[in-house]
Amino acid sequence: MSLRPGLSARVRLVVGEDDTALALGSGDVPVLATPRLVALCEQATCEAVAAALEPGETTVGTKVELTHLVATPVGVLVTAEATLTAVDQRKLTFAVSAMGPAAPVAVGHVWRSVVDRERFVARAQTKVEERG
């Protein structure tokens, strides 16, 4: 399998207490936190391309644009979907959305880059040591 537009995946989350803005410190209300929603959408992007990557490759996030449309309380099922819309060498663009039981929860785009996992981690560690 190769990276090509059209690859997609869906992931689901039943909003729990640990997923709320109150728990994550991104607000003081017990509804799905925007950072948790971003993570759910990114999880879908990872799953969409996982089988198409070469051994030793992974993807890393580079940019997120997400509009959080509605508040989603604890106990509600949210389904995030990501579809690969463009491949430019190692740069990937995804359309993402999240749906609740009755309405869209979020829409946006996520950009990721394909990297060699070991080299990426080693380079990150070297940068920390150089600064340290």
Foldseek 3Di string as FASTA:
>chain_A
DADDFFQKFKDKDQAAQCQACCNVVVDNDQWGDPVSVVVRQVVGVQVSCVVRDDPQKGKDWDDWDKDFDDTHHGGWMKMKMWTFHDDDPFKTKIWMWIDTPPGTGMTTMTIIGMDRNVVVVVVVVVVVVVVD
